[in-house]
Amino acid sequence: QLPHTDTKIGMGLTGFGVFFLFFGMILFFDKALLAIGNILFVAGLSFVIGLERTFRFFFQKHKMKATSFFLGGVLVVLIGWPIVGVVLEIYGFFLLFRGFFPVVVGFIRRIPVLGSILNLPFISAVSMKLCWVPAACLIDHPAGNTLTAACGPHTGVRVQSGASGTMLWQR
């Protein structure tokens, strides 16, 4: 099934937003490019998942700190302090989307070349710290060799022992 038109538009806006943010940082934190990138990224996100779901995502009670850092960083960039704004945005972004990191890392580990790079000793240690789920949060899953995170940003993430002894992260 093909994506809906709004989803296509949103993916394009989000892609251009990420491009302008990256390009703005490469050009020594150009205020105009960073501002355009921020606006396109947030607009694209709302097109992809819908306006109501975007508000629900950003304004959940446990994500208010992350949202304030992210949107505060956007505001600081728009005011004219790009370096401070980008630092605030990056911190807010990691707080907001850290629940998705286990899923992304699990997906990347299945890609042939990227998976072998991600399994290098130093990179593997960093990726496991990004995706760390406290042992106190893990509960047994009825499926057998699977554990489910029951607290924090990783709620609902399943941890499964793979054939190679690595941990596979699934939603």
N, C-alpha and C. Protein backbone atom coordinates (compact mmCIF):
# COMPACT_ATOMS: atom_id res chain seq x y z
N GLN A 1 0.83 -1.17 0.00
CA GLN A 1 0.00 0.00 0.00
C GLN A 1 0.89 1.25 0.00
N LEU A 2 0.57 2.20 -0.85
CA LEU A 2 1.35 3.42 -0.97
C LEU A 2 1.03 4.36 0.18
N PRO A 3 2.05 5.14 0.62
CA PRO A 3 1.80 6.11 1.69
C PRO A 3 0.81 7.18 1.24
N HIS A 4 0.08 7.71 2.20
CA HIS A 4 -0.87 8.78 1.95
C HIS A 4 -0.12 10.03 1.49
N THR A 5 -0.78 10.94 0.77
CA THR A 5 -0.15 12.14 0.25
C THR A 5 0.45 12.99 1.35
N ASP A 6 -0.28 13.13 2.49
CA ASP A 6 0.26 13.91 3.60
C ASP A 6 1.55 13.31 4.13
N THR A 7 1.61 11.98 4.17
CA THR A 7 2.83 11.31 4.64
C THR A 7 3.99 11.58 3.70
N LYS A 8 3.74 11.54 2.40
CA LYS A 8 4.81 11.84 1.44
C LYS A 8 5.30 13.27 1.60
N ILE A 9 4.37 14.20 1.73
CA ILE A 9 4.74 15.60 1.93
C ILE A 9 5.54 15.76 3.22
N GLY A 10 5.08 15.10 4.28
CA GLY A 10 5.77 15.18 5.56
C GLY A 10 7.17 14.62 5.52
N MET A 11 7.34 13.49 4.82
CA MET A 11 8.69 12.91 4.71
C MET A 11 9.60 13.85 3.94
N GLY A 12 9.08 14.49 2.91
CA GLY A 12 9.87 15.47 2.16
C GLY A 12 10.25 16.67 3.02
N LEU A 13 9.27 17.21 3.75
CA LEU A 13 9.55 18.36 4.62
C LEU A 13 10.56 18.00 5.71
N THR A 14 10.40 16.82 6.31
CA THR A 14 11.33 16.39 7.35
C THR A 14 12.73 16.20 6.77
N GLY A 15 12.81 15.59 5.59
CA GLY A 15 14.11 15.41 4.95
C GLY A 15 14.79 16.73 4.65
N PHE A 16 14.02 17.69 4.10
CA PHE A 16 14.60 19.00 3.83
C PHE A 16 14.98 19.70 5.14
N GLY A 17 14.18 19.51 6.19
CA GLY A 17 14.51 20.09 7.48
C GLY A 17 15.82 19.58 8.03
N VAL A 18 16.02 18.26 7.96
CA VAL A 18 17.28 17.68 8.41
C VAL A 18 18.43 18.18 7.55
N PHE A 19 18.22 18.28 6.23
CA PHE A 19 19.26 18.80 5.33
C PHE A 19 19.64 20.23 5.70
N PHE A 20 18.64 21.10 5.90
CA PHE A 20 18.94 22.49 6.24
C PHE A 20 19.61 22.61 7.60
N LEU A 21 19.21 21.78 8.56
CA LEU A 21 19.87 21.79 9.87
C LEU A 21 21.34 21.38 9.73
N PHE A 22 21.58 20.31 8.99
CA PHE A 22 22.95 19.83 8.79
C PHE A 22 23.77 20.87 8.04
N PHE A 23 23.20 21.42 6.97
CA PHE A 23 23.90 22.41 6.16
C PHE A 23 24.17 23.68 6.97
N GLY A 24 23.21 24.07 7.81
CA GLY A 24 23.38 25.24 8.67
C GLY A 24 24.50 25.05 9.68
N MET A 25 24.65 23.82 10.19
CA MET A 25 25.75 23.56 11.14
C MET A 25 27.09 23.54 10.42
N ILE A 26 27.11 22.99 9.20
CA ILE A 26 28.37 22.97 8.44
C ILE A 26 28.82 24.38 8.10
N LEU A 27 27.87 25.27 7.81
CA LEU A 27 28.22 26.65 7.47
C LEU A 27 28.30 27.52 8.73
N PHE A 28 28.93 26.99 9.76
CA PHE A 28 29.22 27.72 10.99
C PHE A 28 27.97 28.29 11.65
N PHE A 29 26.98 27.43 11.80
CA PHE A 29 25.76 27.75 12.52
C PHE A 29 25.05 28.98 11.95
N ASP A 30 24.78 28.91 10.64
CA ASP A 30 24.04 29.97 9.97
C ASP A 30 22.62 30.03 10.52
N LYS A 31 22.24 31.20 11.03
CA LYS A 31 20.94 31.36 11.70
C LYS A 31 19.77 31.08 10.78
N ALA A 32 19.84 31.60 9.57
CA ALA A 32 18.71 31.46 8.65
C ALA A 32 18.48 30.00 8.26
N LEU A 33 19.55 29.28 7.92
CA LEU A 33 19.41 27.88 7.54
C LEU A 33 18.91 27.02 8.71
N LEU A 34 19.42 27.29 9.91
CA LEU A 34 18.96 26.54 11.07
C LEU A 34 17.48 26.82 11.37
N ALA A 35 17.06 28.07 11.23
CA ALA A 35 15.66 28.41 11.46
C ALA A 35 14.76 27.72 10.44
N ILE A 36 15.15 27.75 9.18
CA ILE A 36 14.36 27.07 8.14
C ILE A 36 14.32 25.58 8.42
N GLY A 37 15.46 24.99 8.78
CA GLY A 37 15.52 23.56 9.08
C GLY A 37 14.62 23.18 10.24
N ASN A 38 14.61 23.99 11.30
CA ASN A 38 13.74 23.71 12.44
C ASN A 38 12.27 23.74 12.06
N ILE A 39 11.88 24.77 11.33
CA ILE A 39 10.48 24.90 10.94
C ILE A 39 10.07 23.74 10.03
N LEU A 40 10.91 23.40 9.05
CA LEU A 40 10.59 22.29 8.15
C LEU A 40 10.52 20.95 8.89
N PHE A 41 11.44 20.72 9.85
CA PHE A 41 11.45 19.47 10.59
C PHE A 41 10.18 19.30 11.40
N VAL A 42 9.79 20.32 12.16
CA VAL A 42 8.59 20.22 12.99
C VAL A 42 7.34 20.13 12.12
N ALA A 43 7.29 20.89 11.02
CA ALA A 43 6.13 20.81 10.12
C ALA A 43 6.06 19.43 9.46
N GLY A 44 7.20 18.90 9.05
CA GLY A 44 7.22 17.57 8.43
C GLY A 44 6.78 16.49 9.39
N LEU A 45 7.22 16.58 10.63
CA LEU A 45 6.81 15.61 11.64
C LEU A 45 5.31 15.64 11.85
N SER A 46 4.73 16.83 11.86
CA SER A 46 3.28 16.91 12.05
C SER A 46 2.52 16.40 10.82
N PHE A 47 3.10 16.52 9.64
CA PHE A 47 2.46 15.94 8.46
C PHE A 47 2.54 14.42 8.47
N VAL A 48 3.67 13.88 8.92
CA VAL A 48 3.86 12.42 8.90
C VAL A 48 2.94 11.73 9.89
N ILE A 49 2.91 12.20 11.14
CA ILE A 49 2.11 11.49 12.15
C ILE A 49 0.81 12.19 12.48
N GLY A 50 0.55 13.33 11.90
CA GLY A 50 -0.68 14.04 12.16
C GLY A 50 -0.50 15.08 13.25
N LEU A 51 -1.30 16.14 13.17
CA LEU A 51 -1.17 17.26 14.09
C LEU A 51 -1.51 16.86 15.52
N GLU A 52 -2.60 16.12 15.69
CA GLU A 52 -3.02 15.73 17.03
C GLU A 52 -1.99 14.80 17.69
N ARG A 53 -1.50 13.81 16.94
CA ARG A 53 -0.52 12.88 17.49
C ARG A 53 0.81 13.58 17.77
N THR A 54 1.15 14.60 16.98
CA THR A 54 2.36 15.37 17.24
C THR A 54 2.24 16.09 18.57
N PHE A 55 1.09 16.74 18.82
CA PHE A 55 0.89 17.41 20.10
C PHE A 55 0.90 16.42 21.25
N ARG A 56 0.25 15.27 21.06
CA ARG A 56 0.24 14.25 22.12
C ARG A 56 1.65 13.74 22.40
N PHE A 57 2.47 13.59 21.34
CA PHE A 57 3.84 13.10 21.52
C PHE A 57 4.68 14.11 22.31
N PHE A 58 4.63 15.37 21.90
CA PHE A 58 5.48 16.38 22.52
C PHE A 58 5.02 16.77 23.92
N PHE A 59 3.74 16.74 24.18
CA PHE A 59 3.23 17.28 25.44
C PHE A 59 2.73 16.21 26.40
N GLN A 60 3.33 15.04 26.37
CA GLN A 60 3.07 14.04 27.40
C GLN A 60 3.73 14.50 28.69
N LYS A 61 3.14 14.11 29.81
CA LYS A 61 3.62 14.60 31.10
C LYS A 61 5.09 14.24 31.34
N HIS A 62 5.48 13.01 31.03
CA HIS A 62 6.85 12.59 31.29
C HIS A 62 7.86 13.10 30.25
N LYS A 63 7.37 13.77 29.19
CA LYS A 63 8.27 14.31 28.17
C LYS A 63 8.33 15.84 28.18
N MET A 64 7.78 16.46 29.22
CA MET A 64 7.74 17.93 29.24
C MET A 64 9.14 18.55 29.31
N LYS A 65 10.04 17.93 30.07
CA LYS A 65 11.41 18.45 30.16
C LYS A 65 12.07 18.40 28.78
N ALA A 66 11.95 17.27 28.11
CA ALA A 66 12.55 17.10 26.79
C ALA A 66 11.94 18.07 25.78
N THR A 67 10.62 18.21 25.84
CA THR A 67 9.93 19.12 24.91
C THR A 67 10.37 20.55 25.14
N SER A 68 10.50 20.95 26.42
CA SER A 68 10.93 22.32 26.67
C SER A 68 12.33 22.58 26.18
N PHE A 69 13.24 21.60 26.32
CA PHE A 69 14.59 21.79 25.79
C PHE A 69 14.56 21.86 24.26
N PHE A 70 13.82 20.96 23.62
CA PHE A 70 13.80 20.93 22.15
C PHE A 70 13.16 22.20 21.59
N LEU A 71 11.95 22.51 22.03
CA LEU A 71 11.26 23.69 21.50
C LEU A 71 11.92 24.99 21.98
N GLY A 72 12.49 24.96 23.18
CA GLY A 72 13.26 26.13 23.64
C GLY A 72 14.48 26.36 22.77
N GLY A 73 15.12 25.29 22.35
CA GLY A 73 16.26 25.41 21.43
C GLY A 73 15.84 25.98 20.09
N VAL A 74 14.68 25.55 19.60
CA VAL A 74 14.15 26.11 18.35
C VAL A 74 13.92 27.60 18.51
N LEU A 75 13.32 27.99 19.63
CA LEU A 75 13.05 29.41 19.89
C LEU A 75 14.35 30.21 20.01
N VAL A 76 15.35 29.65 20.68
CA VAL A 76 16.64 30.35 20.84
C VAL A 76 17.31 30.52 19.48
N VAL A 77 17.21 29.52 18.59
CA VAL A 77 17.77 29.67 17.24
C VAL A 77 17.03 30.77 16.49
N LEU A 78 15.70 30.79 16.61
CA LEU A 78 14.92 31.81 15.91
C LEU A 78 15.22 33.22 16.45
N ILE A 79 15.53 33.32 17.74
CA ILE A 79 15.88 34.61 18.33
C ILE A 79 17.23 35.10 17.80
N GLY A 80 18.16 34.16 17.55
CA GLY A 80 19.43 34.58 16.98
C GLY A 80 20.67 34.06 17.69
N TRP A 81 20.53 33.11 18.60
CA TRP A 81 21.68 32.48 19.25
C TRP A 81 21.78 31.04 18.78
N PRO A 82 22.36 30.81 17.61
CA PRO A 82 22.30 29.49 17.00
C PRO A 82 23.06 28.39 17.74
N ILE A 83 24.23 28.68 18.29
CA ILE A 83 25.01 27.62 18.93
C ILE A 83 24.32 27.15 20.20
N VAL A 84 23.88 28.08 21.02
CA VAL A 84 23.16 27.71 22.25
C VAL A 84 21.87 26.97 21.90
N GLY A 85 21.16 27.46 20.90
CA GLY A 85 19.91 26.83 20.49
C GLY A 85 20.10 25.41 19.99
N VAL A 86 21.13 25.17 19.20
CA VAL A 86 21.38 23.83 18.67
C VAL A 86 21.77 22.88 19.79
N VAL A 87 22.55 23.34 20.75
CA VAL A 87 22.91 22.49 21.89
C VAL A 87 21.65 22.09 22.67
N LEU A 88 20.77 23.07 22.92
CA LEU A 88 19.51 22.77 23.61
C LEU A 88 18.65 21.80 22.80
N GLU A 89 18.58 22.02 21.50
CA GLU A 89 17.79 21.14 20.63
C GLU A 89 18.31 19.71 20.65
N ILE A 90 19.62 19.55 20.54
CA ILE A 90 20.20 18.21 20.50
C ILE A 90 19.91 17.47 21.81
N TYR A 91 20.07 18.16 22.93
CA TYR A 91 19.77 17.54 24.23
C TYR A 91 18.29 17.16 24.31
N GLY A 92 17.42 18.06 23.91
CA GLY A 92 15.99 17.76 23.90
C GLY A 92 15.63 16.65 22.95
N PHE A 93 16.29 16.60 21.79
CA PHE A 93 16.03 15.55 20.81
C PHE A 93 16.37 14.19 21.38
N PHE A 94 17.54 14.07 22.04
CA PHE A 94 17.92 12.78 22.63
C PHE A 94 16.97 12.39 23.76
N LEU A 95 16.53 13.35 24.54
CA LEU A 95 15.57 13.02 25.59
C LEU A 95 14.22 12.59 25.01
N LEU A 96 13.78 13.27 23.94
CA LEU A 96 12.49 12.95 23.33
C LEU A 96 12.49 11.60 22.64
N PHE A 97 13.53 11.31 21.89
CA PHE A 97 13.51 10.15 21.01
C PHE A 97 14.35 8.98 21.52
N ARG A 98 14.78 9.01 22.77
CA ARG A 98 15.61 7.92 23.27
C ARG A 98 14.87 6.60 23.34
N GLY A 99 13.56 6.63 23.40
CA GLY A 99 12.79 5.39 23.38
C GLY A 99 12.84 4.69 22.03
N PHE A 100 13.19 5.43 20.97
CA PHE A 100 13.27 4.85 19.64
C PHE A 100 14.65 4.28 19.33
N PHE A 101 15.67 4.65 20.11
CA PHE A 101 17.03 4.20 19.82
C PHE A 101 17.19 2.69 19.81
N PRO A 102 16.59 1.95 20.75
CA PRO A 102 16.73 0.48 20.67
C PRO A 102 16.18 -0.10 19.38
N VAL A 103 15.07 0.46 18.90
CA VAL A 103 14.47 -0.02 17.66
C VAL A 103 15.38 0.29 16.48
N VAL A 104 15.92 1.49 16.45
CA VAL A 104 16.79 1.91 15.35
C VAL A 104 18.08 1.08 15.34
N VAL A 105 18.68 0.89 16.52
CA VAL A 105 19.91 0.11 16.61
C VAL A 105 19.65 -1.34 16.19
N GLY A 106 18.53 -1.91 16.63
CA GLY A 106 18.18 -3.27 16.22
C GLY A 106 18.00 -3.39 14.72
N PHE A 107 17.39 -2.38 14.10
CA PHE A 107 17.22 -2.39 12.65
C PHE A 107 18.56 -2.27 11.93
N ILE A 108 19.42 -1.37 12.41
CA ILE A 108 20.72 -1.17 11.77
C ILE A 108 21.59 -2.42 11.91
N ARG A 109 21.46 -3.14 13.02
CA ARG A 109 22.26 -4.36 13.21
C ARG A 109 21.91 -5.43 12.18
N ARG A 110 20.73 -5.36 11.59
CA ARG A 110 20.32 -6.36 10.59
C ARG A 110 20.78 -6.00 9.18
N ILE A 111 21.26 -4.78 8.97
CA ILE A 111 21.76 -4.37 7.66
C ILE A 111 23.20 -4.89 7.53
N PRO A 112 23.53 -5.61 6.44
CA PRO A 112 24.81 -6.31 6.34
C PRO A 112 26.06 -5.49 6.68
N VAL A 113 26.35 -4.41 6.01
CA VAL A 113 27.59 -3.67 6.24
C VAL A 113 27.50 -2.85 7.53
N LEU A 114 26.39 -2.15 7.72
CA LEU A 114 26.24 -1.31 8.90
C LEU A 114 26.19 -2.14 10.18
N GLY A 115 25.61 -3.34 10.11
CA GLY A 115 25.54 -4.21 11.28
C GLY A 115 26.91 -4.64 11.75
N SER A 116 27.81 -4.95 10.80
CA SER A 116 29.17 -5.35 11.20
C SER A 116 29.94 -4.16 11.77
N ILE A 117 29.69 -2.96 11.25
CA ILE A 117 30.33 -1.77 11.82
C ILE A 117 29.80 -1.50 13.22
N LEU A 118 28.51 -1.67 13.41
CA LEU A 118 27.89 -1.42 14.71
C LEU A 118 28.33 -2.43 15.76
N ASN A 119 28.81 -3.59 15.34
CA ASN A 119 29.26 -4.61 16.27
C ASN A 119 30.75 -4.50 16.61
N LEU A 120 31.46 -3.49 16.09
CA LEU A 120 32.85 -3.25 16.48
C LEU A 120 32.88 -2.91 17.98
N PRO A 121 33.96 -3.29 18.68
CA PRO A 121 33.98 -3.17 20.14
C PRO A 121 33.58 -1.81 20.70
N PHE A 122 34.23 -0.72 20.25
CA PHE A 122 33.93 0.60 20.81
C PHE A 122 32.52 1.05 20.43
N ILE A 123 32.16 0.89 19.17
CA ILE A 123 30.85 1.33 18.70
C ILE A 123 29.74 0.52 19.35
N SER A 124 29.98 -0.76 19.54
CA SER A 124 28.98 -1.61 20.19
C SER A 124 28.74 -1.17 21.63
N ALA A 125 29.81 -0.80 22.33
CA ALA A 125 29.66 -0.34 23.71
C ALA A 125 28.85 0.95 23.78
N VAL A 126 29.11 1.87 22.85
CA VAL A 126 28.37 3.13 22.82
C VAL A 126 26.90 2.88 22.48
N SER A 127 26.64 2.02 21.49
CA SER A 127 25.26 1.76 21.10
C SER A 127 24.48 1.06 22.21
N MET A 128 25.15 0.19 22.97
CA MET A 128 24.46 -0.47 24.07
C MET A 128 24.16 0.51 25.20
N LYS A 129 25.03 1.51 25.40
CA LYS A 129 24.75 2.53 26.43
C LYS A 129 23.58 3.41 26.01
N LEU A 130 23.48 3.70 24.72
CA LEU A 130 22.35 4.48 24.23
C LEU A 130 21.04 3.73 24.41
N CYS A 131 21.08 2.42 24.27
CA CYS A 131 19.89 1.59 24.31
C CYS A 131 19.73 0.85 25.62
N TRP A 132 20.43 1.25 26.65
CA TRP A 132 20.42 0.54 27.92
C TRP A 132 19.06 0.58 28.57
N VAL A 133 18.61 -0.58 29.01
CA VAL A 133 17.37 -0.70 29.77
C VAL A 133 17.74 -1.23 31.15
N PRO A 134 17.41 -0.52 32.23
CA PRO A 134 17.77 -1.01 33.57
C PRO A 134 17.18 -2.38 33.83
N ALA A 135 17.95 -3.24 34.48
CA ALA A 135 17.49 -4.61 34.77
C ALA A 135 16.24 -4.61 35.62
N ALA A 136 16.08 -3.59 36.47
CA ALA A 136 14.89 -3.52 37.32
C ALA A 136 13.62 -3.30 36.51
N CYS A 137 13.77 -2.81 35.29
CA CYS A 137 12.61 -2.53 34.45
C CYS A 137 12.18 -3.74 33.63
N LEU A 138 13.00 -4.79 33.57
CA LEU A 138 12.70 -5.92 32.70
C LEU A 138 11.79 -6.92 33.41
N ILE A 139 10.75 -7.35 32.72
CA ILE A 139 9.86 -8.39 33.24
C ILE A 139 9.78 -9.51 32.21
N ASP A 140 9.51 -10.71 32.67
CA ASP A 140 9.41 -11.86 31.76
C ASP A 140 8.23 -11.69 30.82
N HIS A 141 8.46 -12.08 29.58
CA HIS A 141 7.41 -12.03 28.57
C HIS A 141 6.88 -13.45 28.39
N PRO A 142 5.58 -13.61 28.18
CA PRO A 142 5.03 -14.95 28.04
C PRO A 142 5.59 -15.74 26.87
N ALA A 143 6.25 -15.07 25.91
CA ALA A 143 6.74 -15.76 24.71
C ALA A 143 7.95 -16.64 24.98
N GLY A 144 8.54 -16.57 26.17
CA GLY A 144 9.68 -17.46 26.44
C GLY A 144 10.95 -16.70 26.74
N ASN A 145 11.89 -16.67 25.76
CA ASN A 145 13.20 -16.09 26.00
C ASN A 145 13.22 -14.57 25.77
N THR A 146 12.10 -13.92 26.03
CA THR A 146 11.98 -12.50 25.78
C THR A 146 11.66 -11.78 27.08
N LEU A 147 12.25 -10.62 27.27
CA LEU A 147 11.96 -9.76 28.40
C LEU A 147 11.34 -8.48 27.86
N THR A 148 10.49 -7.84 28.64
CA THR A 148 9.86 -6.60 28.22
C THR A 148 10.17 -5.51 29.23
N ALA A 149 10.56 -4.34 28.74
CA ALA A 149 10.82 -3.20 29.62
C ALA A 149 9.48 -2.66 30.10
N ALA A 150 9.39 -2.39 31.41
CA ALA A 150 8.12 -1.96 31.99
C ALA A 150 8.18 -0.59 32.62
N CYS A 151 9.25 0.16 32.40
CA CYS A 151 9.31 1.50 32.97
C CYS A 151 10.21 2.38 32.13
N GLY A 152 10.11 3.66 32.34
CA GLY A 152 10.97 4.63 31.66
C GLY A 152 10.64 4.77 30.19
N PRO A 153 11.58 5.35 29.43
CA PRO A 153 11.33 5.62 28.02
C PRO A 153 11.28 4.37 27.16
N HIS A 154 11.74 3.22 27.70
CA HIS A 154 11.78 1.98 26.93
C HIS A 154 10.58 1.09 27.20
N THR A 155 9.51 1.62 27.80
CA THR A 155 8.33 0.82 28.10
C THR A 155 7.81 0.17 26.83
N GLY A 156 7.63 -1.12 26.87
CA GLY A 156 7.11 -1.86 25.72
C GLY A 156 8.18 -2.41 24.80
N VAL A 157 9.45 -2.06 25.02
CA VAL A 157 10.53 -2.58 24.18
C VAL A 157 10.85 -4.00 24.64
N ARG A 158 10.88 -4.93 23.69
CA ARG A 158 11.20 -6.32 24.01
C ARG A 158 12.67 -6.57 23.77
N VAL A 159 13.31 -7.27 24.69
CA VAL A 159 14.72 -7.63 24.58
C VAL A 159 14.77 -9.13 24.42
N GLN A 160 15.42 -9.59 23.36
CA GLN A 160 15.43 -11.01 23.05
C GLN A 160 16.85 -11.47 22.80
N SER A 161 17.22 -12.62 23.34
CA SER A 161 18.55 -13.17 23.07
C SER A 161 18.57 -13.74 21.66
N GLY A 162 19.54 -13.31 20.86
CA GLY A 162 19.66 -13.79 19.49
C GLY A 162 20.54 -15.00 19.42
N ALA A 163 20.65 -15.59 18.23
CA ALA A 163 21.46 -16.80 18.02
C ALA A 163 22.93 -16.52 18.26
N SER A 164 23.39 -15.29 17.98
CA SER A 164 24.80 -14.97 18.16
C SER A 164 25.12 -14.48 19.57
N GLY A 165 24.13 -14.49 20.44
CA GLY A 165 24.35 -14.05 21.81
C GLY A 165 24.14 -12.56 22.00
N THR A 166 23.85 -11.83 20.93
CA THR A 166 23.61 -10.39 21.06
C THR A 166 22.16 -10.16 21.44
N MET A 167 21.87 -8.95 21.83
CA MET A 167 20.51 -8.62 22.20
C MET A 167 19.83 -7.93 21.01
N LEU A 168 18.66 -8.38 20.67
CA LEU A 168 17.88 -7.75 19.61
C LEU A 168 16.78 -6.94 20.27
N TRP A 169 16.62 -5.71 19.81
CA TRP A 169 15.64 -4.82 20.42
C TRP A 169 14.46 -4.68 19.49
N GLN A 170 13.29 -4.89 20.02
CA GLN A 170 12.08 -4.83 19.20
C GLN A 170 11.03 -4.03 19.93
N ARG A 171 10.13 -3.40 19.18
CA ARG A 171 8.98 -2.71 19.77
C ARG A 171 7.87 -3.69 19.91
